[in-house]
Every structure is written in C-alpha cells, then in structure tokens.
Amino acid sequence: MSTYSAIDERDLLLQVAAGNERAFDALYRLYSGKVYAFAFRILRSEVLAEEVVQETLLKLWLSGRETANIANLNGYMRTVARNASLNLLRRQEIERRAEQSLAADLQEGHHDTEERVLFNEAKEMLEDAVGLLPPKQQEAFRLCHMQGLGYKEAADLMGISPQTVAVHMKLALRFVRSYLEKATNILAILVALRLF
C-alpha cells in the first residue's frame, strides 16, 4: 500500500469533492483496510466489517462537495465507521432479543401453528424481495447473506471485484429492508432477516 502524506490526502479529498473517481479509488485503497480492521475489532464479523467499509466509503463519496470540508480524514473515517458499527450492533441486539422472545414463545408451546405460519410467511416475503432484485444483486445477496460467504469469496465465484460485490450487497440489503418494512410488521422483518 502506498503511503500518502496529509497534503496528498487533502488533494485527494478536493478531487473527490469535484467528482474524480480515480481520487476516490485512491482513498478507497488507502482506507478500506484501516476501516475494515477498525470495524472488525468492534463487530468480530468479516461480512459486517465489509459492510461497514462500504457504508463508510459510500458516505464519503456521497458527501460530494462537502468532502472538501473534511479537515481530518482519518478521524472522519473512524467516526463514520464507529457509528456504522454501533448501529449494526444495535440492530443485532434487537434481532437477538426478538429471537429470544420467539424462542421463549415456542418453548411454551403457545400459538405453535401461528408461529410456523408467521415464520413461513416471513421466509416467503424474503424470497419475494430477493426475487425482485436485479440478477447480480440477487446473486451477491444469496452468496453473502444466505450462504454466508465473504465478499472476496463471492467475488471469485461471480467473476467480479470484492468492491463490486459490496456495492451489490449494499443496494440489495437496502432494497430488501425497504421491501420487508413495507410488506409486514417489524417482528416478521426480524424473523426474515435472521433466517439465513
């Protein structure tokens, strides 16, 4: 990995603010490993750490002209990565509590048939949402989220770069979450998201 000085980073930020994709690619190469390591220490999950990398760098790119106002890029990246990681941990905790609640209800034997129906409906809704994705997003989602492969493994199978897999996953997850939120209540969403 090449070493960049603070002046080089400042120049790259100004170029990114102007929409220069090469400058963004240079920043991506410079920071993706650092963000991944930082997020992995918090999350202890390769897939989630890769998601944080994509979310952090996507936020930088989408900031557009505001990128020129970033005075400390390293601090900015750590803050965005920390917030994204903590949001994922909160989401995991909510999902864990929902699973525990469902498990407790199932152990009590109450509403067993209703639980199975809800579970099957949630699974069908997830499949419906995945079926509406464009082919590459669908393939990336099935490999990474449903089969548990890392972005690199999925990229090798798909014949594309890990960054492209990450973009497909980000878009797919956004669509699936949106679809499920519109289709059902939060409990069914949590069940569906934890199926695979």
Protein backbone atom coordinates (compact mmCIF):
# COMPACT_ATOMS: atom_id res chain seq x y z
CA MET A 1 0.00 0.00 0.00
CA SER A 2 1.43 3.37 -0.91
CA THR A 3 1.96 5.99 1.74
CA TYR A 4 0.17 9.31 1.38
CA SER A 5 1.03 12.47 3.24
CA ALA A 6 -1.59 14.77 4.75
CA ILE A 7 -1.09 17.09 1.76
CA ASP A 8 -1.72 14.23 -0.68
CA GLU A 9 -4.88 13.25 1.23
CA ARG A 10 -6.08 16.85 1.17
CA ASP A 11 -5.54 16.97 -2.58
CA LEU A 12 -7.38 13.66 -2.99
CA LEU A 13 -10.28 14.98 -0.89
CA LEU A 14 -10.53 18.08 -3.07
CA GLN A 15 -10.52 15.89 -6.18
CA VAL A 16 -13.22 13.62 -4.70
CA ALA A 17 -15.27 16.74 -3.92
CA ALA A 18 -15.01 17.55 -7.63
CA GLY A 19 -16.28 14.07 -8.54
CA ASN A 20 -12.95 12.48 -9.51
CA GLU A 21 -13.44 8.70 -9.33
CA ARG A 22 -9.70 7.96 -9.54
CA ALA A 23 -9.08 10.07 -6.46
CA PHE A 24 -11.89 8.23 -4.67
CA ASP A 25 -10.38 4.90 -5.74
CA ALA A 26 -7.03 6.00 -4.27
CA LEU A 27 -8.74 6.93 -0.98
CA TYR A 28 -10.63 3.64 -1.07
CA ARG A 29 -7.38 1.70 -1.40
CA LEU A 30 -5.77 3.81 1.30
CA TYR A 31 -8.58 3.50 3.88
CA SER A 32 -10.55 0.31 3.17
CA GLY A 33 -8.08 -1.89 5.09
CA LYS A 34 -7.93 0.53 8.02
CA VAL A 35 -11.73 0.83 8.21
CA TYR A 36 -12.11 -2.96 7.90
CA ALA A 37 -9.65 -3.62 10.75
CA PHE A 38 -11.32 -1.00 12.93
CA ALA A 39 -14.82 -2.35 12.26
CA PHE A 40 -13.73 -5.98 12.67
CA ARG A 41 -12.36 -5.22 16.15
CA ILE A 42 -15.81 -3.96 17.11
CA LEU A 43 -18.02 -6.42 15.23
CA ARG A 44 -15.96 -9.64 15.08
CA SER A 45 -17.58 -10.44 11.73
CA GLU A 46 -15.94 -10.31 8.30
CA VAL A 47 -19.22 -9.75 6.48
CA LEU A 48 -20.35 -6.97 8.82
CA ALA A 49 -16.90 -5.33 8.77
CA GLU A 50 -17.01 -5.36 4.96
CA GLU A 51 -20.47 -3.79 5.10
CA VAL A 52 -19.09 -1.03 7.34
CA VAL A 53 -16.23 -0.42 4.87
CA GLN A 54 -18.73 0.00 2.05
CA GLU A 55 -21.07 2.18 4.09
CA THR A 56 -18.22 4.40 5.31
CA LEU A 57 -16.66 4.92 1.91
CA LEU A 58 -20.03 5.29 0.21
CA LYS A 59 -20.85 8.05 2.69
CA LEU A 60 -17.58 9.76 1.79
CA TRP A 61 -18.37 9.57 -1.93
CA LEU A 62 -21.98 10.69 -1.49
CA SER A 63 -20.83 13.69 0.54
CA GLY A 64 -19.89 15.28 -2.77
CA ARG A 65 -18.60 18.83 -2.40
CA GLU A 66 -18.81 18.56 1.40
CA THR A 67 -15.76 16.27 1.23
CA ALA A 68 -13.62 19.35 0.74
CA ASN A 69 -14.56 20.45 4.28
CA ILE A 70 -13.13 17.35 5.97
CA ALA A 71 -10.11 18.53 7.96
CA ASN A 72 -9.05 15.18 9.45
CA LEU A 73 -9.83 12.31 7.08
CA ASN A 74 -8.58 9.61 9.43
CA GLY A 75 -10.80 10.94 12.24
CA TYR A 76 -13.75 11.26 9.87
CA MET A 77 -13.36 7.66 8.65
CA ARG A 78 -13.06 6.33 12.21
CA THR A 79 -16.13 8.26 13.36
CA VAL A 80 -18.28 7.11 10.44
CA ALA A 81 -17.03 3.52 10.80
CA ARG A 82 -17.63 3.56 14.57
CA ASN A 83 -21.18 4.87 14.14
CA ALA A 84 -21.95 2.33 11.41
CA SER A 85 -20.51 -0.49 13.55
CA LEU A 86 -22.51 0.58 16.61
CA ASN A 87 -25.68 0.78 14.51
CA LEU A 88 -25.07 -2.78 13.32
CA LEU A 89 -24.50 -3.94 16.91
CA ARG A 90 -27.77 -2.28 17.96
CA ARG A 91 -29.57 -4.00 15.10
CA GLN A 92 -28.03 -7.35 16.10
CA GLU A 93 -29.16 -6.83 19.69
CA ILE A 94 -32.72 -6.10 18.58
CA GLU A 95 -32.67 -9.20 16.39
CA ARG A 96 -31.24 -11.30 19.24
CA ARG A 97 -33.97 -10.12 21.61
CA ALA A 98 -36.64 -10.86 19.02
CA GLU A 99 -35.21 -14.35 18.53
CA GLN A 100 -35.14 -14.95 22.27
CA SER A 101 -38.72 -13.79 22.56
CA LEU A 102 -39.79 -16.05 19.71
CA ALA A 103 -37.84 -18.97 21.16
CA ALA A 104 -39.46 -18.46 24.57
CA ASP A 105 -42.91 -18.41 22.98
CA LEU A 106 -42.12 -21.57 21.04
CA GLN A 107 -40.86 -23.34 24.18
CA GLU A 108 -44.09 -22.50 25.95
CA GLY A 109 -45.94 -24.19 23.12
CA HIS A 110 -48.37 -21.29 22.73
CA HIS A 111 -49.52 -20.44 19.27
CA ASP A 112 -47.22 -23.03 17.69
CA THR A 113 -49.19 -23.15 14.44
CA GLU A 114 -49.40 -19.37 14.27
CA GLU A 115 -45.61 -19.13 14.78
CA ARG A 116 -44.97 -21.57 11.93
CA VAL A 117 -47.32 -19.65 9.66
CA LEU A 118 -45.62 -16.35 10.54
CA PHE A 119 -42.20 -17.92 10.01
CA ASN A 120 -43.18 -19.33 6.61
CA GLU A 121 -44.79 -16.05 5.55
CA ALA A 122 -41.67 -14.14 6.56
CA LYS A 123 -39.50 -16.60 4.64
CA GLU A 124 -41.72 -16.20 1.57
CA MET A 125 -41.59 -12.41 1.84
CA LEU A 126 -37.80 -12.54 1.95
CA GLU A 127 -37.73 -14.80 -1.11
CA ASP A 128 -40.15 -12.45 -2.90
CA ALA A 129 -37.91 -9.47 -2.12
CA VAL A 130 -34.78 -11.30 -3.27
CA GLY A 131 -36.59 -12.41 -6.43
CA LEU A 132 -37.23 -8.75 -7.34
CA LEU A 133 -33.53 -7.84 -7.19
CA PRO A 134 -31.51 -7.40 -10.39
CA PRO A 135 -29.58 -10.61 -11.24
CA LYS A 136 -26.15 -9.54 -9.93
CA GLN A 137 -27.58 -8.12 -6.68
CA GLN A 138 -29.62 -11.28 -6.25
CA GLU A 139 -26.57 -13.48 -6.77
CA ALA A 140 -24.45 -11.40 -4.38
CA PHE A 141 -27.22 -11.44 -1.74
CA ARG A 142 -27.70 -15.21 -1.98
CA LEU A 143 -23.96 -15.90 -1.76
CA CYS A 144 -23.11 -13.44 1.03
CA HIS A 145 -26.25 -13.18 3.15
CA MET A 146 -27.89 -16.55 2.66
CA GLN A 147 -24.82 -18.76 2.20
CA GLY A 148 -22.57 -16.74 4.49
CA LEU A 149 -19.68 -16.23 2.07
CA GLY A 150 -17.36 -13.26 2.43
CA TYR A 151 -17.25 -10.60 -0.27
CA LYS A 152 -13.95 -11.94 -1.65
CA GLU A 153 -15.29 -15.49 -1.95
CA ALA A 154 -18.46 -14.25 -3.61
CA ALA A 155 -16.41 -12.03 -5.94
CA ASP A 156 -14.33 -15.04 -7.03
CA LEU A 157 -17.47 -17.05 -7.77
CA MET A 158 -19.14 -14.16 -9.60
CA GLY A 159 -16.02 -13.11 -11.50
CA ILE A 160 -16.14 -9.51 -10.24
CA SER A 161 -14.22 -7.44 -7.70
CA PRO A 162 -15.00 -7.56 -3.96
CA GLN A 163 -15.83 -3.83 -4.12
CA THR A 164 -18.46 -4.53 -6.77
CA VAL A 165 -19.90 -7.35 -4.63
CA ALA A 166 -20.03 -4.89 -1.72
CA VAL A 167 -21.92 -2.35 -3.82
CA HIS A 168 -24.37 -5.05 -4.96
CA MET A 169 -24.85 -6.15 -1.33
CA LYS A 170 -25.40 -2.61 -0.10
CA LEU A 171 -28.06 -1.98 -2.73
CA ALA A 172 -29.64 -5.41 -2.23
CA LEU A 173 -29.83 -5.03 1.56
CA ARG A 174 -31.31 -1.56 1.23
CA PHE A 175 -33.99 -2.85 -1.17
CA VAL A 176 -34.79 -5.99 0.88
CA ARG A 177 -35.12 -4.00 4.11
CA SER A 178 -37.33 -1.44 2.40
CA TYR A 179 -39.47 -4.15 0.82
CA LEU A 180 -39.91 -6.00 4.11
CA GLU A 181 -40.70 -2.83 6.03
CA LYS A 182 -43.46 -2.06 3.59
CA ALA A 183 -44.74 -5.63 3.48
CA THR A 184 -45.07 -6.50 7.16
CA ASN A 185 -44.52 -5.54 10.79
CA ILE A 186 -41.11 -5.31 12.48
CA LEU A 187 -41.30 -8.73 14.14
CA ALA A 188 -41.76 -10.51 10.82
CA ILE A 189 -38.88 -8.48 9.37
CA LEU A 190 -36.56 -9.54 12.16
CA VAL A 191 -37.52 -13.17 11.73
CA ALA A 192 -36.98 -12.97 7.98
CA LEU A 193 -33.59 -11.26 8.28
CA ARG A 194 -32.32 -13.93 10.64
CA LEU A 195 -33.49 -16.91 8.60
CA PHE A 196 -30.26 -17.34 6.74
